[in-house]
């Protein structure tokens, strides 16, 4: 479904499945010659279409931002957030709305739950840390449980370290179930006790989590629990009932259809959409054969209820964000891969210490280390064969891709090595995602770029770092993921410029997938300082390897 602004009305195309809902909007008109509906311009209409996943024209996005900002403007004094940094205005407003709605600050109370419907890159993690921190400092909570996708559980530890301006003890529950339970029981009783666990583990250690008795729960990327019949969703619902406060974080509560709201809001407050999924389905879906939805109704009411305990912001509406933002997504490797990596480092120290130190043999060693952090090992120096040893980065990338697609955003992925590009493309194909690709073997690069820029079905662009660093315009996307990097600052800066150039209307976001405690950290740090590692490796090879 897409919408454009024309003749002071919103024209909606490709909306057959949503026609029953559109018919209920006051002032709607059907235009048979265009096969389109049109509705009057208004913040409520735009909010409804937005949450249903409608793609807006640039003009309509600008109008939506202005109307919704005007609608939500108020004169309430904003309470400072317990953070080490100054939050952006939209983050501070979301924090205050959540705290007031849940009765953490002020005298009002709306619901025990609140939804931070904030798009990727707008700072929903820092906002939720501020909310939890205020609840702790107000003496209302002692234990916080955070549920997150497996690829980003460790991110929460780093975000707390950077932002939390209050005392806390945090443990990321990883490994086998026994190890997770031991880590849960070992959390220090010092400050706010925080446990972070991935969604896949919830059902396995539900009893122990219930016994731990958290009084605040945060569900990060809550679309993971949109299926109300899934084990992880049912476990989350049971745990949430024990909690005094509940937050869900997502840029897109609706990934497939409006029914996705139910399970996520069941975590927050059953009074919003009721206890029965079947009653909810009958209320908002037009059902066909086999009780399957063929359309939607009462959508204005559904969105109004959802917004009653929610704060919504997109990157386009967050005008206080800088033109570009950088995010480091730390990746924790499997134990066996880290052992392999450390052995290679140790062997490199030994061999370089014994023999002649040249730029060539050091660079070769660093190259092998980077290939391992990308998930591949070249067992034979004379062979072009690679063995896949880890999927940690690929799993993290898949979560990012899923989020981008659910937010109707295009995505650029940059990788250095061909085996990485091959695996990324295989993953996209397995998910049925149309993509463009530019690397050394691709001859007709112009047609690949054109497809990504102009074909709405071409969602992802996959490029090899050295190949795309010059001359390409990829402004159809405003988010770029660096899967792997080289030591060359010029290649890095030029690659960044593919999306941040004339024609880009949105804030640009760069996500770096960095394997924790590896050469990835060294390379990114050097690039941030505009250094070229290749020019100093002979003198500093020990510190670089370390």
Protein backbone atom coordinates (compact mmCIF):
# COMPACT_ATOMS: atom_id res chain seq x y z
CA UNK A 1 0.00 0.00 0.00
CA UNK A 2 1.32 3.43 -0.95
CA UNK A 3 0.06 6.97 -0.58
CA UNK A 4 0.72 10.35 -2.20
CA UNK A 5 -0.41 13.91 -1.46
CA UNK A 6 -2.44 15.60 -4.21
CA UNK A 7 -5.17 18.25 -4.35
CA UNK A 8 -5.01 18.58 -0.56
CA UNK A 9 -5.99 14.93 -0.09
CA UNK A 10 -4.23 11.64 0.57
CA UNK A 11 -4.50 9.25 -2.40
CA UNK A 12 -4.04 5.58 -1.45
CA UNK A 13 -3.09 2.89 -3.96
CA UNK A 14 -2.75 -0.92 -3.79
CA UNK A 15 -5.03 -0.97 -0.76
CA UNK A 16 -7.51 -3.74 -1.57
CA UNK A 17 -6.93 -5.69 1.65
CA UNK A 18 -7.45 -2.50 3.70
CA UNK A 19 -10.53 -1.23 1.85
CA UNK A 20 -12.99 -1.99 4.67
CA UNK A 21 -10.91 0.07 7.05
CA UNK A 22 -10.55 2.94 4.60
CA UNK A 23 -14.33 2.98 4.04
CA UNK A 24 -14.75 3.91 7.69
CA UNK A 25 -12.65 7.08 7.37
CA UNK A 26 -14.88 10.10 7.20
CA UNK A 27 -14.72 11.92 3.87
CA UNK A 28 -13.20 9.03 1.91
CA UNK A 29 -13.74 8.89 -1.86
CA UNK A 30 -13.23 6.11 -4.41
CA UNK A 31 -11.64 7.07 -7.75
CA UNK A 32 -12.42 4.22 -10.19
CA UNK A 33 -10.32 5.69 -13.01
CA UNK A 34 -7.22 5.52 -10.80
CA UNK A 35 -8.29 2.53 -8.73
CA UNK A 36 -7.45 4.56 -5.66
CA UNK A 37 -9.06 5.83 -2.49
CA UNK A 38 -8.57 9.35 -1.23
CA UNK A 39 -9.11 10.64 2.29
CA UNK A 40 -8.86 14.09 3.90
CA UNK A 41 -5.48 15.10 5.28
CA UNK A 42 -5.20 14.65 9.06
CA UNK A 43 -2.81 13.38 11.71
CA UNK A 44 -5.14 10.50 12.63
CA UNK A 45 -5.40 9.27 9.03
CA UNK A 46 -1.64 9.46 8.58
CA UNK A 47 -0.96 7.64 11.85
CA UNK A 48 -3.36 4.86 10.83
CA UNK A 49 -1.78 4.44 7.40
CA UNK A 50 1.72 4.59 8.89
CA UNK A 51 1.14 1.77 11.36
CA UNK A 52 -0.41 -0.32 8.60
CA UNK A 53 2.89 -0.13 6.73
CA UNK A 54 1.81 2.34 4.03
CA UNK A 55 4.66 3.80 1.97
CA UNK A 56 4.41 7.60 1.87
CA UNK A 57 5.66 9.93 -0.82
CA UNK A 58 8.33 12.42 0.30
CA UNK A 59 5.83 15.28 0.38
CA UNK A 60 3.39 13.25 2.44
CA UNK A 61 6.10 12.23 4.92
CA UNK A 62 6.98 15.90 5.48
CA UNK A 63 3.31 16.74 5.98
CA UNK A 64 2.83 13.84 8.40
CA UNK A 65 5.76 14.99 10.50
CA UNK A 66 4.41 18.55 10.78
CA UNK A 67 0.84 17.48 11.58
CA UNK A 68 1.80 14.91 14.21
CA UNK A 69 4.30 17.27 15.86
CA UNK A 70 1.54 19.86 16.11
CA UNK A 71 -0.89 17.29 17.50
CA UNK A 72 1.52 15.99 20.15
CA UNK A 73 2.92 19.36 21.20
CA UNK A 74 2.16 20.16 24.84
CA UNK A 75 3.32 22.49 27.56
CA UNK A 76 4.26 19.86 30.11
CA UNK A 77 7.62 20.33 31.78
CA UNK A 78 9.96 17.55 30.67
CA UNK A 79 11.61 15.71 33.58
CA UNK A 80 15.36 15.13 33.06
CA UNK A 81 16.41 11.56 32.26
CA UNK A 82 18.93 9.64 34.42
CA UNK A 83 21.47 9.35 31.60
CA UNK A 84 25.17 10.15 31.25
CA UNK A 85 24.49 11.97 27.99
CA UNK A 86 21.95 14.57 26.95
CA UNK A 87 19.18 12.77 25.05
CA UNK A 88 17.66 14.17 21.89
CA UNK A 89 14.37 16.00 22.27
CA UNK A 90 12.28 13.17 20.83
CA UNK A 91 13.95 10.67 23.19
CA UNK A 92 13.27 12.90 26.19
CA UNK A 93 9.64 13.30 25.14
CA UNK A 94 9.20 9.54 24.71
CA UNK A 95 10.77 8.94 28.13
CA UNK A 96 8.44 11.44 29.79
CA UNK A 97 5.33 10.10 28.07
CA UNK A 98 6.17 6.52 29.09
CA UNK A 99 6.94 7.48 32.70
CA UNK A 100 3.74 9.52 33.05
CA UNK A 101 1.55 6.93 31.36
CA UNK A 102 2.81 4.16 33.66
CA UNK A 103 2.64 6.36 36.76
CA UNK A 104 6.40 6.36 37.36
CA UNK A 105 6.39 10.15 37.53
CA UNK A 106 3.48 12.54 38.10
CA UNK A 107 0.03 11.78 39.39
CA UNK A 108 -1.52 10.31 36.26
CA UNK A 109 -1.75 6.60 35.51
CA UNK A 110 -3.00 5.17 32.23
CA UNK A 111 -1.59 1.65 32.03
CA UNK A 112 1.17 -0.56 33.45
CA UNK A 113 2.54 -0.93 29.94
CA UNK A 114 3.83 1.37 27.24
CA UNK A 115 5.01 0.94 23.65
CA UNK A 116 8.02 2.81 22.29
CA UNK A 117 7.26 2.54 18.58
CA UNK A 118 10.55 4.09 17.51
CA UNK A 119 12.19 3.28 14.21
CA UNK A 120 15.67 1.82 13.99
CA UNK A 121 18.18 4.58 14.63
CA UNK A 122 15.97 6.86 16.72
CA UNK A 123 17.21 5.59 20.10
CA UNK A 124 14.60 3.33 21.64
CA UNK A 125 17.24 1.54 23.73
CA UNK A 126 18.54 4.68 25.44
CA UNK A 127 14.94 5.86 25.97
CA UNK A 128 13.97 2.61 27.68
CA UNK A 129 17.11 2.67 29.86
CA UNK A 130 16.05 6.12 31.04
CA UNK A 131 12.53 4.87 31.87
CA UNK A 132 13.85 1.89 33.85
CA UNK A 133 16.36 4.12 35.59
CA UNK A 134 13.67 6.58 36.69
CA UNK A 135 11.53 3.72 38.01
CA UNK A 136 14.51 2.42 40.01
CA UNK A 137 15.51 5.83 41.38
CA UNK A 138 11.88 6.42 42.39
CA UNK A 139 12.00 3.24 44.48
CA UNK A 140 9.39 1.47 42.35
CA UNK A 141 11.45 -1.44 40.97
CA UNK A 142 14.39 -3.63 41.93
CA UNK A 143 14.67 -6.14 39.08
CA UNK A 144 14.53 -5.62 35.33
CA UNK A 145 14.22 -8.40 32.75
CA UNK A 146 15.15 -7.57 29.16
CA UNK A 147 14.16 -9.91 26.32
CA UNK A 148 15.94 -9.41 22.99
CA UNK A 149 16.89 -11.23 19.79
CA UNK A 150 19.97 -13.41 20.23
CA UNK A 151 22.18 -11.23 18.04
CA UNK A 152 21.72 -8.11 20.17
CA UNK A 153 21.57 -9.29 23.79
CA UNK A 154 25.17 -8.21 24.37
CA UNK A 155 24.37 -4.74 23.00
CA UNK A 156 22.35 -4.02 26.13
CA UNK A 157 25.40 -4.44 28.37
CA UNK A 158 27.32 -1.90 26.29
CA UNK A 159 24.39 0.53 26.15
CA UNK A 160 23.94 0.45 29.93
CA UNK A 161 27.65 1.15 30.38
CA UNK A 162 27.48 4.13 28.04
CA UNK A 163 24.20 5.67 29.14
CA UNK A 164 22.88 4.55 32.56
CA UNK A 165 23.45 7.25 35.17
CA UNK A 166 22.32 5.11 38.10
CA UNK A 167 23.66 2.09 39.94
CA UNK A 168 22.95 -1.30 38.40
CA UNK A 169 24.22 -4.89 38.15
CA UNK A 170 23.69 -6.48 34.73
CA UNK A 171 24.14 -10.01 33.48
CA UNK A 172 23.69 -11.25 29.93
CA UNK A 173 22.38 -14.83 30.21
CA UNK A 174 24.20 -16.92 27.60
CA UNK A 175 25.22 -20.52 26.99
CA UNK A 176 23.24 -23.61 27.90
CA UNK A 177 20.17 -23.33 30.13
CA UNK A 178 22.11 -24.37 33.23
CA UNK A 179 24.66 -21.64 32.60
CA UNK A 180 21.91 -19.04 32.08
CA UNK A 181 20.20 -19.99 35.34
CA UNK A 182 23.52 -19.84 37.23
CA UNK A 183 24.19 -16.37 35.81
CA UNK A 184 20.69 -15.25 36.80
CA UNK A 185 21.17 -16.36 40.38
CA UNK A 186 24.63 -14.77 40.54
CA UNK A 187 23.50 -11.21 39.71
CA UNK A 188 24.82 -8.87 42.40
CA UNK A 189 22.26 -7.31 44.73
CA UNK A 190 23.72 -3.92 43.99
CA UNK A 191 21.61 -1.23 42.38
CA UNK A 192 19.02 -2.18 39.78
CA UNK A 193 19.40 -5.90 39.04
CA UNK A 194 19.22 -6.44 35.27
CA UNK A 195 19.01 -9.76 33.40
CA UNK A 196 19.18 -9.87 29.60
CA UNK A 197 18.14 -13.04 27.77
CA UNK A 198 17.28 -13.94 24.18
CA UNK A 199 13.73 -14.82 23.15
CA UNK A 200 14.60 -18.38 22.17
CA UNK A 201 15.58 -19.18 25.78
CA UNK A 202 12.49 -17.86 27.54
CA UNK A 203 10.42 -21.04 27.44
CA UNK A 204 13.41 -23.12 28.52
CA UNK A 205 14.07 -21.15 31.73
CA UNK A 206 10.60 -19.68 32.31
CA UNK A 207 10.26 -21.19 35.79
CA UNK A 208 13.59 -19.72 36.93
CA UNK A 209 12.69 -16.32 35.48
CA UNK A 210 9.35 -16.40 37.29
CA UNK A 211 11.13 -17.35 40.54
CA UNK A 212 13.54 -14.45 40.02
CA UNK A 213 10.41 -12.26 40.17
CA UNK A 214 11.21 -9.24 37.98
CA UNK A 215 9.08 -6.15 38.48
CA UNK A 216 9.88 -4.53 35.10
CA UNK A 217 10.07 -6.23 31.69
CA UNK A 218 11.36 -4.79 28.41
CA UNK A 219 10.68 -6.64 25.16
CA UNK A 220 13.18 -5.41 22.57
CA UNK A 221 12.13 -5.88 18.93
CA UNK A 222 8.79 -7.10 20.23
CA UNK A 223 7.61 -8.23 16.79
CA UNK A 224 9.44 -11.44 17.72
CA UNK A 225 6.44 -12.29 19.92
CA UNK A 226 3.71 -11.25 17.49
CA UNK A 227 2.44 -14.83 17.19
CA UNK A 228 0.19 -15.36 20.25
CA UNK A 229 0.35 -19.16 20.00
CA UNK A 230 4.15 -19.43 19.95
CA UNK A 231 5.85 -20.83 23.05
CA UNK A 232 8.07 -17.78 23.49
CA UNK A 233 5.03 -15.48 23.29
CA UNK A 234 3.07 -17.47 25.87
CA UNK A 235 6.05 -17.52 28.24
CA UNK A 236 6.50 -13.78 27.80
CA UNK A 237 2.82 -13.16 28.56
CA UNK A 238 3.05 -15.15 31.79
CA UNK A 239 6.20 -13.40 32.96
CA UNK A 240 4.83 -9.96 32.04
CA UNK A 241 1.77 -10.52 34.24
CA UNK A 242 4.07 -10.58 37.28
CA UNK A 243 5.73 -7.30 36.35
CA UNK A 244 4.58 -3.96 37.68
CA UNK A 245 5.83 -2.18 34.55
CA UNK A 246 6.18 -3.34 30.94
CA UNK A 247 7.73 -1.84 27.82
CA UNK A 248 7.80 -3.07 24.24
CA UNK A 249 10.29 -1.63 21.76
CA UNK A 250 9.75 -1.84 18.02
CA UNK A 251 9.73 0.35 14.96
CA UNK A 252 7.03 -1.79 13.38
CA UNK A 253 4.40 -3.46 15.60
CA UNK A 254 2.74 -4.58 12.36
CA UNK A 255 4.91 -6.71 10.08
CA UNK A 256 2.28 -8.77 8.29
CA UNK A 257 -1.14 -7.44 9.27
CA UNK A 258 -2.95 -5.58 12.08
CA UNK A 259 -3.39 -8.83 14.02
CA UNK A 260 0.30 -8.50 14.97
CA UNK A 261 -0.77 -5.93 17.57
CA UNK A 262 -2.55 -8.43 19.80
CA UNK A 263 0.26 -10.53 21.26
CA UNK A 264 2.59 -7.57 21.75
CA UNK A 265 -0.06 -5.51 23.53
CA UNK A 266 -1.08 -8.52 25.61
CA UNK A 267 2.34 -8.13 27.22
CA UNK A 268 1.55 -4.51 28.04
CA UNK A 269 -2.07 -4.46 29.11
CA UNK A 270 -4.84 -6.96 28.38
CA UNK A 271 -7.46 -4.25 28.80
CA UNK A 272 -6.40 -2.62 25.52
CA UNK A 273 -7.32 -5.45 23.11
CA UNK A 274 -8.75 -8.04 25.47
CA UNK A 275 -7.61 -11.51 26.49
CA UNK A 276 -8.96 -13.47 23.53
CA UNK A 277 -7.14 -13.45 20.20
CA UNK A 278 -10.21 -14.89 18.49
CA UNK A 279 -12.42 -12.05 19.74
CA UNK A 280 -9.77 -9.55 18.63
CA UNK A 281 -9.57 -11.20 15.21
CA UNK A 282 -13.35 -11.06 14.74
CA UNK A 283 -13.42 -7.41 15.79
CA UNK A 284 -10.80 -6.15 13.36
CA UNK A 285 -10.56 -8.68 10.52
CA UNK A 286 -12.92 -9.48 7.67
CA UNK A 287 -12.79 -13.28 7.59
CA UNK A 288 -13.07 -15.52 4.55
CA UNK A 289 -12.69 -19.23 4.00
CA UNK A 290 -11.10 -21.22 6.81
CA UNK A 291 -11.45 -18.18 9.08
CA UNK A 292 -8.58 -16.40 7.32
CA UNK A 293 -8.47 -12.57 7.05
CA UNK A 294 -9.33 -11.14 3.64
CA UNK A 295 -9.59 -7.54 4.81
CA UNK A 296 -9.67 -5.24 7.84
CA UNK A 297 -12.21 -3.09 9.63
CA UNK A 298 -12.41 -0.73 12.60
CA UNK A 299 -8.81 0.27 11.90
CA UNK A 300 -9.23 3.82 13.20
CA UNK A 301 -10.38 2.39 16.55
CA UNK A 302 -7.53 -0.13 16.59
CA UNK A 303 -4.88 2.53 15.97
CA UNK A 304 -6.47 4.87 18.52
CA UNK A 305 -6.30 2.14 21.18
CA UNK A 306 -2.72 1.29 20.26
CA UNK A 307 -1.68 4.94 20.43
CA UNK A 308 -3.33 5.40 23.82
CA UNK A 309 -0.24 3.84 25.43
CA UNK A 310 2.42 4.47 22.80
CA UNK A 311 4.98 6.94 21.54
CA UNK A 312 5.65 6.82 17.82
CA UNK A 313 8.58 8.41 15.96
CA UNK A 314 10.32 7.71 12.66
CA UNK A 315 13.75 8.86 11.53
CA UNK A 316 12.10 11.43 9.25
CA UNK A 317 10.21 12.93 12.21
CA UNK A 318 13.25 13.02 14.52
CA UNK A 319 14.55 16.34 13.22
CA UNK A 320 16.94 16.74 16.16
CA UNK A 321 19.06 13.79 15.01
CA UNK A 322 22.34 14.68 13.27
CA UNK A 323 22.68 14.16 9.51
CA UNK A 324 24.59 10.93 10.10
CA UNK A 325 24.66 8.53 13.02
CA UNK A 326 26.97 5.58 13.67
CA UNK A 327 25.96 2.43 15.51
CA UNK A 328 28.35 -0.31 16.60
CA UNK A 329 26.65 -3.69 16.84
CA UNK A 330 28.99 -5.92 18.86
CA UNK A 331 28.98 -9.57 17.84
CA UNK A 332 29.87 -12.30 20.33
CA UNK A 333 31.36 -15.34 18.64
CA UNK A 334 30.83 -18.95 19.58
CA UNK A 335 33.42 -20.28 22.06
CA UNK A 336 34.99 -22.59 19.48
CA UNK A 337 35.46 -19.70 17.04
CA UNK A 338 37.09 -17.48 19.67
CA UNK A 339 39.48 -20.31 20.58
CA UNK A 340 40.34 -20.66 16.91
CA UNK A 341 40.83 -16.91 16.60
CA UNK A 342 43.06 -16.64 19.68
CA UNK A 343 45.17 -19.61 18.55
CA UNK A 344 45.75 -17.89 15.21
CA UNK A 345 46.80 -14.69 17.00
CA UNK A 346 49.19 -16.63 19.24
CA UNK A 347 50.68 -18.49 16.29
CA UNK A 348 51.09 -15.19 14.44
CA UNK A 349 53.01 -13.68 17.36
CA UNK A 350 55.29 -16.68 17.45
CA UNK A 351 56.02 -16.78 13.73
CA UNK A 352 56.49 -13.01 13.33
CA UNK A 353 58.78 -12.88 16.35
CA UNK A 354 61.05 -15.56 14.85
CA UNK A 355 61.15 -14.42 11.22
CA UNK A 356 61.55 -11.27 9.19
CA UNK A 357 58.82 -8.71 9.83
CA UNK A 358 57.55 -7.27 6.56
CA UNK A 359 54.37 -5.41 5.64
CA UNK A 360 53.36 -8.27 3.36
CA UNK A 361 53.45 -11.08 5.93
CA UNK A 362 51.79 -8.92 8.60
CA UNK A 363 49.00 -7.90 6.23
CA UNK A 364 48.51 -11.54 5.30
CA UNK A 365 48.04 -12.41 8.98
CA UNK A 366 45.61 -9.54 9.53
CA UNK A 367 43.70 -10.58 6.42
CA UNK A 368 43.24 -14.11 7.80
CA UNK A 369 42.04 -12.72 11.12
CA UNK A 370 39.45 -10.55 9.35
CA UNK A 371 38.26 -13.52 7.34
CA UNK A 372 37.66 -15.40 10.58
CA UNK A 373 35.64 -12.50 12.02
CA UNK A 374 33.56 -12.64 8.84
CA UNK A 375 32.83 -16.27 9.60
CA UNK A 376 35.31 -17.97 7.25
CA UNK A 377 38.61 -19.80 7.53
CA UNK A 378 41.01 -20.49 4.69
CA UNK A 379 42.64 -23.77 5.79
CA UNK A 380 45.20 -23.90 3.02
CA UNK A 381 47.25 -20.85 2.01
CA UNK A 382 47.58 -22.19 -1.52
CA UNK A 383 43.87 -22.86 -1.97
CA UNK A 384 40.92 -20.59 -2.76
CA UNK A 385 38.64 -22.79 -0.66
CA UNK A 386 37.00 -21.33 2.47
CA UNK A 387 35.30 -23.10 5.36
CA UNK A 388 32.38 -21.45 7.11
CA UNK A 389 33.16 -21.43 10.83
CA UNK A 390 30.55 -19.01 12.24
CA UNK A 391 27.16 -17.52 11.44
CA UNK A 392 27.21 -14.94 14.26
CA UNK A 393 27.57 -11.93 11.96
CA UNK A 394 25.12 -13.31 9.43
CA UNK A 395 22.52 -13.85 12.18
CA UNK A 396 22.95 -10.26 13.36
CA UNK A 397 22.63 -9.01 9.79
CA UNK A 398 19.45 -11.03 9.29
CA UNK A 399 17.84 -9.29 12.27
CA UNK A 400 18.77 -5.90 10.81
CA UNK A 401 17.39 -6.86 7.39
CA UNK A 402 14.11 -8.07 8.94
CA UNK A 403 13.76 -4.78 10.83
CA UNK A 404 14.51 -2.66 7.77
CA UNK A 405 12.02 -4.55 5.61
CA UNK A 406 9.32 -4.33 8.26
CA UNK A 407 9.87 -0.56 8.32
CA UNK A 408 9.63 -0.38 4.51
CA UNK A 409 13.25 0.78 4.30
CA UNK A 410 15.85 -0.14 1.73
CA UNK A 411 19.26 -1.24 2.95
CA UNK A 412 22.84 -1.15 1.67
CA UNK A 413 25.22 -3.87 2.88
CA UNK A 414 28.97 -3.48 2.40
CA UNK A 415 31.37 -6.40 2.81
CA UNK A 416 35.04 -6.87 1.97
CA UNK A 417 35.32 -10.54 1.06
CA UNK A 418 33.58 -12.52 -1.69
CA UNK A 419 32.67 -15.52 0.57
CA UNK A 420 30.82 -13.07 2.84
CA UNK A 421 28.94 -11.57 -0.10
CA UNK A 422 28.06 -15.04 -1.35
CA UNK A 423 26.59 -16.06 2.03
CA UNK A 424 24.70 -12.78 2.37
CA UNK A 425 23.13 -13.27 -1.06
CA UNK A 426 22.22 -16.88 -0.24
CA UNK A 427 20.47 -15.70 2.90
CA UNK A 428 18.53 -13.04 0.97
CA UNK A 429 17.48 -15.60 -1.63
CA UNK A 430 16.32 -18.02 1.05
CA UNK A 431 14.08 -15.26 2.44
CA UNK A 432 12.73 -14.35 -1.00
CA UNK A 433 14.24 -10.84 -0.84
CA UNK A 434 15.04 -9.17 -4.15
CA UNK A 435 18.48 -7.54 -4.17
CA UNK A 436 21.09 -5.86 -6.37
CA UNK A 437 24.78 -6.73 -6.22
CA UNK A 438 27.99 -5.03 -7.25
CA UNK A 439 31.36 -6.75 -6.80
CA UNK A 440 34.34 -7.52 -8.97
CA UNK A 441 32.59 -10.20 -11.02
CA UNK A 442 29.58 -8.00 -11.91
CA UNK A 443 30.04 -6.26 -15.27
CA UNK A 444 26.78 -4.37 -15.74
CA UNK A 445 26.92 -2.32 -12.56
CA UNK A 446 24.71 0.48 -13.87
CA UNK A 447 21.70 -1.82 -14.21
CA UNK A 448 22.22 -3.14 -10.66
CA UNK A 449 22.30 0.39 -9.28
CA UNK A 450 19.27 1.39 -11.36
CA UNK A 451 17.29 -1.58 -10.05
CA UNK A 452 18.05 -0.66 -6.46
CA UNK A 453 17.34 3.04 -6.95
CA UNK A 454 14.14 2.72 -8.96
CA UNK A 455 12.59 -0.72 -8.46
CA UNK A 456 10.44 -0.71 -5.28
CA UNK A 457 10.74 -4.50 -5.07
CA UNK A 458 14.54 -4.39 -4.97
CA UNK A 459 15.04 -3.93 -1.23
CA UNK A 460 18.72 -4.65 -0.56
CA UNK A 461 21.97 -3.63 -2.23
CA UNK A 462 25.01 -5.82 -1.55
CA UNK A 463 28.35 -4.30 -2.46
CA UNK A 464 32.01 -5.20 -2.17
CA UNK A 465 33.88 -2.46 -0.31
CA UNK A 466 36.63 -1.88 -2.87
CA UNK A 467 34.18 -1.93 -5.80
CA UNK A 468 31.48 0.46 -4.55
CA UNK A 469 33.74 3.02 -2.92
CA UNK A 470 33.59 5.34 -5.91
CA UNK A 471 30.97 6.70 -8.26
CA UNK A 472 27.75 4.93 -7.24
CA UNK A 473 24.62 6.68 -6.02
CA UNK A 474 22.56 4.60 -3.57
CA UNK A 475 20.32 7.25 -2.04
CA UNK A 476 17.26 4.98 -2.20
CA UNK A 477 18.56 3.79 1.18
CA UNK A 478 19.47 5.82 4.23
CA UNK A 479 20.94 2.90 6.21
CA UNK A 480 24.23 1.20 5.42
CA UNK A 481 25.59 -1.89 7.18
CA UNK A 482 29.32 -2.51 7.20
CA UNK A 483 29.65 -6.28 7.45
CA UNK A 484 33.43 -6.06 7.21
CA UNK A 485 36.04 -3.36 6.57
CA UNK A 486 39.52 -2.88 5.16
CA UNK A 487 42.34 -0.82 6.64
CA UNK A 488 41.94 1.85 3.97
CA UNK A 489 40.25 5.02 5.22
CA UNK A 490 39.63 6.31 1.69
CA UNK A 491 37.61 3.19 0.79
CA UNK A 492 35.61 3.52 4.02
CA UNK A 493 34.78 7.21 3.66
CA UNK A 494 33.91 6.86 -0.01
CA UNK A 495 31.62 3.92 0.72
CA UNK A 496 29.79 6.00 3.33
CA UNK A 497 29.25 8.70 0.73
CA UNK A 498 27.21 6.34 -1.48
CA UNK A 499 24.08 7.08 0.58
CA UNK A 500 25.02 10.47 2.07
CA UNK A 501 25.07 12.63 -1.06
CA UNK A 502 22.89 14.92 -3.16
CA UNK A 503 19.42 13.40 -3.48
CA UNK A 504 19.34 12.00 0.05
CA UNK A 505 16.42 13.43 2.01
CA UNK A 506 16.76 11.38 5.18
CA UNK A 507 19.12 11.02 8.11
CA UNK A 508 21.82 8.48 7.26
CA UNK A 509 22.64 5.65 9.62
CA UNK A 510 25.75 3.47 9.53
CA UNK A 511 25.69 0.15 11.38
CA UNK A 512 29.02 -1.57 11.97
CA UNK A 513 29.04 -5.29 12.74
CA UNK A 514 32.09 -5.66 14.98
CA UNK A 515 33.26 -8.97 16.42
CA UNK A 516 34.02 -8.39 20.08
CA UNK A 517 37.70 -8.61 21.20
CA UNK A 518 39.00 -9.04 17.64
CA UNK A 519 40.81 -7.20 14.86
CA UNK A 520 37.43 -5.68 13.89
CA UNK A 521 37.66 -3.32 16.88
CA UNK A 522 41.20 -2.30 15.97
CA UNK A 523 40.32 -1.58 12.35
CA UNK A 524 37.20 0.46 13.18
CA UNK A 525 39.07 2.49 15.81
CA UNK A 526 41.79 3.31 13.28
CA UNK A 527 39.20 4.33 10.68
CA UNK A 528 37.40 6.55 13.18
CA UNK A 529 40.73 8.30 13.78
CA UNK A 530 41.27 8.51 10.00
CA UNK A 531 44.34 6.31 10.23
CA UNK A 532 45.57 3.86 7.62
CA UNK A 533 46.81 0.75 9.42
CA UNK A 534 48.76 -0.39 6.38
CA UNK A 535 51.19 2.54 6.76
CA UNK A 536 52.28 1.68 10.31
CA UNK A 537 52.00 -2.07 10.61
CA UNK A 538 55.72 -2.85 10.57
CA UNK A 539 56.39 -0.74 13.66
CA UNK A 540 53.12 -1.43 15.50
CA UNK A 541 52.26 -4.99 14.47
CA UNK A 542 52.18 -6.24 18.08
CA UNK A 543 49.63 -3.66 19.23
CA UNK A 544 47.56 -4.12 16.08
CA UNK A 545 47.37 -7.89 16.52
CA UNK A 546 46.64 -7.48 20.21
